[in-house]
């Protein structure tokens, strides 16, 4: 039983690696601000991250 489980897990892992991934056209992201950007808190750091992504 253990050998069968190991064989099935190995086969599943090998098959999942064989699948090729296709690149998406363009990644879409959304930022939700919970407060003003100028408060130098959570929203400010989110905006800094958004600027780095651009």
PDB file of N, CA and C in Angstrom:
ATOM      1  N   UNK A   1       0.820  -1.196   0.000  1.00  0.00           N
ATOM      2  CA  UNK A   1       0.000   0.000   0.000  1.00  0.00           C
ATOM      3  C   UNK A   1       0.864   1.259   0.000  1.00  0.00           C
ATOM      4  N   UNK A   2       1.944   1.248   0.794  1.00  0.00           N
ATOM      5  CA  UNK A   2       2.819   2.415   0.837  1.00  0.00           C
ATOM      6  C   UNK A   2       3.506   2.634  -0.504  1.00  0.00           C
ATOM      7  N   UNK A   3       3.912   1.528  -1.140  1.00  0.00           N
ATOM      8  CA  UNK A   3       4.586   1.648  -2.435  1.00  0.00           C
ATOM      9  C   UNK A   3       3.638   2.212  -3.484  1.00  0.00           C
ATOM     10  N   UNK A   4       2.390   1.772  -3.464  1.00  0.00           N
ATOM     11  CA  UNK A   4       1.403   2.281  -4.409  1.00  0.00           C
ATOM     12  C   UNK A   4       1.181   3.772  -4.195  1.00  0.00           C
ATOM     13  N   UNK A   5       1.086   4.181  -2.953  1.00  0.00           N
ATOM     14  CA  UNK A   5       0.895   5.594  -2.636  1.00  0.00           C
ATOM     15  C   UNK A   5       2.090   6.423  -3.099  1.00  0.00           C
ATOM     16  N   UNK A   6       3.287   5.910  -2.882  1.00  0.00           N
ATOM     17  CA  UNK A   6       4.495   6.620  -3.308  1.00  0.00           C
ATOM     18  C   UNK A   6       4.542   6.733  -4.823  1.00  0.00           C
ATOM     19  N   UNK A   7       4.193   5.655  -5.516  1.00  0.00           N
ATOM     20  CA  UNK A   7       4.187   5.676  -6.983  1.00  0.00           C
ATOM     21  C   UNK A   7       3.158   6.674  -7.493  1.00  0.00           C
ATOM     22  N   UNK A   8       1.970   6.675  -6.913  1.00  0.00           N
ATOM     23  CA  UNK A   8       0.932   7.616  -7.340  1.00  0.00           C
ATOM     24  C   UNK A   8       1.333   9.062  -7.075  1.00  0.00           C
ATOM     25  N   UNK A   9       1.922   9.325  -5.938  1.00  0.00           N
ATOM     26  CA  UNK A   9       2.352  10.689  -5.617  1.00  0.00           C
ATOM     27  C   UNK A   9       3.472  11.138  -6.544  1.00  0.00           C
ATOM     28  N   UNK A  10       4.405  10.255  -6.832  1.00  0.00           N
ATOM     29  CA  UNK A  10       5.508  10.588  -7.729  1.00  0.00           C
ATOM     30  C   UNK A  10       4.997  10.843  -9.143  1.00  0.00           C
ATOM     31  N   UNK A  11       4.074  10.011  -9.597  1.00  0.00           N
ATOM     32  CA  UNK A  11       3.499  10.183 -10.929  1.00  0.00           C
ATOM     33  C   UNK A  11       2.734  11.498 -11.024  1.00  0.00           C
ATOM     34  N   UNK A  12       1.962  11.802 -10.016  1.00  0.00           N
ATOM     35  CA  UNK A  12       1.206  13.055 -10.005  1.00  0.00           C
ATOM     36  C   UNK A  12       2.139  14.259 -10.016  1.00  0.00           C
ATOM     37  N   UNK A  13       3.201  14.206  -9.238  1.00  0.00           N
ATOM     38  CA  UNK A  13       4.166  15.307  -9.206  1.00  0.00           C
ATOM     39  C   UNK A  13       4.852  15.465 -10.554  1.00  0.00           C
ATOM     40  N   UNK A  14       5.219  14.360 -11.182  1.00  0.00           N
ATOM     41  CA  UNK A  14       5.885  14.423 -12.481  1.00  0.00           C
ATOM     42  C   UNK A  14       4.953  14.972 -13.549  1.00  0.00           C
ATOM     43  N   UNK A  15       3.691  14.592 -13.501  1.00  0.00           N
ATOM     44  CA  UNK A  15       2.735  15.091 -14.486  1.00  0.00           C
ATOM     45  C   UNK A  15       2.463  16.575 -14.291  1.00  0.00           C
ATOM     46  N   UNK A  16       2.453  17.035 -13.064  1.00  0.00           N
ATOM     47  CA  UNK A  16       2.195  18.453 -12.826  1.00  0.00           C
ATOM     48  C   UNK A  16       3.369  19.311 -13.280  1.00  0.00           C
ATOM     49  N   UNK A  17       4.574  18.771 -13.234  1.00  0.00           N
ATOM     50  CA  UNK A  17       5.737  19.519 -13.705  1.00  0.00           C
ATOM     51  C   UNK A  17       5.791  19.572 -15.222  1.00  0.00           C
ATOM     52  N   UNK A  18       5.166  18.610 -15.881  1.00  0.00           N
ATOM     53  CA  UNK A  18       5.209  18.550 -17.333  1.00  0.00           C
ATOM     54  C   UNK A  18       4.272  19.562 -17.985  1.00  0.00           C
ATOM     55  N   UNK A  19       3.328  20.085 -17.239  1.00  0.00           N
ATOM     56  CA  UNK A  19       2.375  21.047 -17.781  1.00  0.00           C
ATOM     57  C   UNK A  19       3.081  22.381 -17.970  1.00  0.00           C
ATOM     58  N   UNK A  20       2.943  22.951 -19.163  1.00  0.00           N
ATOM     59  CA  UNK A  20       3.577  24.236 -19.429  1.00  0.00           C
ATOM     60  C   UNK A  20       2.616  25.364 -19.080  1.00  0.00           C
ATOM     61  N   UNK A  21       3.154  26.405 -18.525  1.00  0.00           N
ATOM     62  CA  UNK A  21       2.348  27.568 -18.157  1.00  0.00           C
ATOM     63  C   UNK A  21       2.446  28.606 -19.261  1.00  0.00           C
ATOM     64  N   UNK A  22       1.333  29.229 -19.556  1.00  0.00           N
ATOM     65  CA  UNK A  22       1.314  30.288 -20.551  1.00  0.00           C
ATOM     66  C   UNK A  22       1.298  31.633 -19.838  1.00  0.00           C
ATOM     67  N   UNK A  23       2.048  32.567 -20.372  1.00  0.00           N
ATOM     68  CA  UNK A  23       2.099  33.902 -19.775  1.00  0.00           C
ATOM     69  C   UNK A  23       0.795  34.641 -20.061  1.00  0.00           C
ATOM     70  N   UNK A  24       0.319  35.333 -19.079  1.00  0.00           N
ATOM     71  CA  UNK A  24      -0.890  36.136 -19.246  1.00  0.00           C
ATOM     72  C   UNK A  24      -0.552  37.383 -20.053  1.00  0.00           C
ATOM     73  N   UNK A  25      -1.564  37.986 -20.635  1.00  0.00           N
ATOM     74  CA  UNK A  25      -1.343  39.190 -21.428  1.00  0.00           C
ATOM     75  C   UNK A  25      -0.712  40.289 -20.577  1.00  0.00           C
ATOM     76  N   UNK A  26      -1.390  40.659 -19.526  1.00  0.00           N
ATOM     77  CA  UNK A  26      -0.864  41.687 -18.641  1.00  0.00           C
ATOM     78  C   UNK A  26      -1.506  41.514 -17.275  1.00  0.00           C
ATOM     79  N   UNK A  27      -0.712  41.613 -16.237  1.00  0.00           N
ATOM     80  CA  UNK A  27      -1.208  41.448 -14.882  1.00  0.00           C
ATOM     81  C   UNK A  27      -2.006  42.681 -14.469  1.00  0.00           C
ATOM     82  N   UNK A  28      -3.167  42.448 -13.904  1.00  0.00           N
ATOM     83  CA  UNK A  28      -3.990  43.540 -13.400  1.00  0.00           C
ATOM     84  C   UNK A  28      -3.969  43.490 -11.884  1.00  0.00           C
ATOM     85  N   UNK A  29      -3.818  44.635 -11.266  1.00  0.00           N
ATOM     86  CA  UNK A  29      -3.781  44.705  -9.807  1.00  0.00           C
ATOM     87  C   UNK A  29      -4.640  45.875  -9.346  1.00  0.00           C
ATOM     88  N   UNK A  30      -5.080  45.808  -8.105  1.00  0.00           N
ATOM     89  CA  UNK A  30      -5.931  46.847  -7.539  1.00  0.00           C
ATOM     90  C   UNK A  30      -5.435  47.191  -6.144  1.00  0.00           C
ATOM     91  N   UNK A  31      -5.411  48.457  -5.816  1.00  0.00           N
ATOM     92  CA  UNK A  31      -5.035  48.909  -4.479  1.00  0.00           C
ATOM     93  C   UNK A  31      -6.241  49.585  -3.854  1.00  0.00           C
ATOM     94  N   UNK A  32      -6.534  49.203  -2.633  1.00  0.00           N
ATOM     95  CA  UNK A  32      -7.644  49.801  -1.892  1.00  0.00           C
ATOM     96  C   UNK A  32      -7.052  50.561  -0.715  1.00  0.00           C
ATOM     97  N   UNK A  33      -7.260  51.852  -0.716  1.00  0.00           N
ATOM     98  CA  UNK A  33      -6.730  52.696   0.351  1.00  0.00           C
ATOM     99  C   UNK A  33      -7.792  52.885   1.421  1.00  0.00           C
ATOM    100  N   UNK A  34      -7.415  52.662   2.677  1.00  0.00           N
ATOM    101  CA  UNK A  34      -8.362  52.809   3.781  1.00  0.00           C
ATOM    102  C   UNK A  34      -8.324  54.202   4.392  1.00  0.00           C
ATOM    103  N   UNK A  35      -7.431  55.039   3.914  1.00  0.00           N
ATOM    104  CA  UNK A  35      -7.308  56.396   4.429  1.00  0.00           C
ATOM    105  C   UNK A  35      -6.520  57.236   3.441  1.00  0.00           C
ATOM    106  N   UNK A  36      -6.237  58.484   3.791  1.00  0.00           N
ATOM    107  CA  UNK A  36      -5.476  59.343   2.894  1.00  0.00           C
ATOM    108  C   UNK A  36      -4.022  58.878   2.775  1.00  0.00           C
ATOM    109  N   UNK A  37      -3.447  59.098   1.597  1.00  0.00           N
ATOM    110  CA  UNK A  37      -2.065  58.679   1.350  1.00  0.00           C
ATOM    111  C   UNK A  37      -1.092  59.515   2.171  1.00  0.00           C
ATOM    112  N   UNK A  38      -1.430  60.760   2.431  1.00  0.00           N
ATOM    113  CA  UNK A  38      -0.526  61.672   3.112  1.00  0.00           C
ATOM    114  C   UNK A  38      -0.381  61.453   4.608  1.00  0.00           C
ATOM    115  N   UNK A  39      -1.001  60.430   5.175  1.00  0.00           N
ATOM    116  CA  UNK A  39      -0.900  60.233   6.626  1.00  0.00           C
ATOM    117  C   UNK A  39       0.359  59.467   7.034  1.00  0.00           C
ATOM    118  N   UNK A  40       1.167  59.049   6.070  1.00  0.00           N
ATOM    119  CA  UNK A  40       2.428  58.327   6.300  1.00  0.00           C
ATOM    120  C   UNK A  40       2.221  57.064   7.135  1.00  0.00           C
ATOM    121  N   UNK A  41       1.134  56.386   6.881  1.00  0.00           N
ATOM    122  CA  UNK A  41       0.849  55.127   7.576  1.00  0.00           C
ATOM    123  C   UNK A  41       0.664  54.001   6.573  1.00  0.00           C
ATOM    124  N   UNK A  42      -0.363  53.197   6.814  1.00  0.00           N
ATOM    125  CA  UNK A  42      -0.656  52.015   6.010  1.00  0.00           C
ATOM    126  C   UNK A  42      -0.906  52.386   4.547  1.00  0.00           C
ATOM    127  N   UNK A  43      -1.739  53.400   4.304  1.00  0.00           N
ATOM    128  CA  UNK A  43      -2.058  53.802   2.931  1.00  0.00           C
ATOM    129  C   UNK A  43      -0.840  54.370   2.222  1.00  0.00           C
ATOM    130  N   UNK A  44      -0.016  55.079   2.942  1.00  0.00           N
ATOM    131  CA  UNK A  44       1.205  55.634   2.355  1.00  0.00           C
ATOM    132  C   UNK A  44       2.119  54.510   1.877  1.00  0.00           C
ATOM    133  N   UNK A  45       2.302  53.486   2.703  1.00  0.00           N
ATOM    134  CA  UNK A  45       3.164  52.366   2.325  1.00  0.00           C
ATOM    135  C   UNK A  45       2.579  51.598   1.144  1.00  0.00           C
ATOM    136  N   UNK A  46       1.259  51.465   1.088  1.00  0.00           N
ATOM    137  CA  UNK A  46       0.627  50.831  -0.063  1.00  0.00           C
ATOM    138  C   UNK A  46       0.910  51.631  -1.329  1.00  0.00           C
ATOM    139  N   UNK A  47       0.833  52.946  -1.232  1.00  0.00           N
ATOM    140  CA  UNK A  47       1.092  53.784  -2.396  1.00  0.00           C
ATOM    141  C   UNK A  47       2.552  53.680  -2.824  1.00  0.00           C
ATOM    142  N   UNK A  48       3.464  53.592  -1.873  1.00  0.00           N
ATOM    143  CA  UNK A  48       4.881  53.415  -2.213  1.00  0.00           C
ATOM    144  C   UNK A  48       5.094  52.081  -2.937  1.00  0.00           C
ATOM    145  N   UNK A  49       4.424  51.041  -2.495  1.00  0.00           N
ATOM    146  CA  UNK A  49       4.495  49.746  -3.169  1.00  0.00           C
ATOM    147  C   UNK A  49       3.920  49.806  -4.570  1.00  0.00           C
ATOM    148  N   UNK A  50       2.811  50.540  -4.717  1.00  0.00           N
ATOM    149  CA  UNK A  50       2.205  50.705  -6.042  1.00  0.00           C
ATOM    150  C   UNK A  50       3.160  51.414  -6.985  1.00  0.00           C
ATOM    151  N   UNK A  51       3.834  52.439  -6.482  1.00  0.00           N
ATOM    152  CA  UNK A  51       4.788  53.170  -7.310  1.00  0.00           C
ATOM    153  C   UNK A  51       5.970  52.288  -7.704  1.00  0.00           C
ATOM    154  N   UNK A  52       6.406  51.412  -6.823  1.00  0.00           N
ATOM    155  CA  UNK A  52       7.500  50.490  -7.146  1.00  0.00           C
ATOM    156  C   UNK A  52       7.090  49.492  -8.220  1.00  0.00           C
ATOM    157  N   UNK A  53       5.832  49.076  -8.197  1.00  0.00           N
ATOM    158  CA  UNK A  53       5.352  48.109  -9.182  1.00  0.00           C
ATOM    159  C   UNK A  53       5.283  48.744 -10.563  1.00  0.00           C
ATOM    160  N   UNK A  54       4.912  50.004 -10.617  1.00  0.00           N
ATOM    161  CA  UNK A  54       4.833  50.683 -11.917  1.00  0.00           C
ATOM    162  C   UNK A  54       6.217  50.832 -12.456  1.00  0.00           C
TER     163      UNK A  54
END
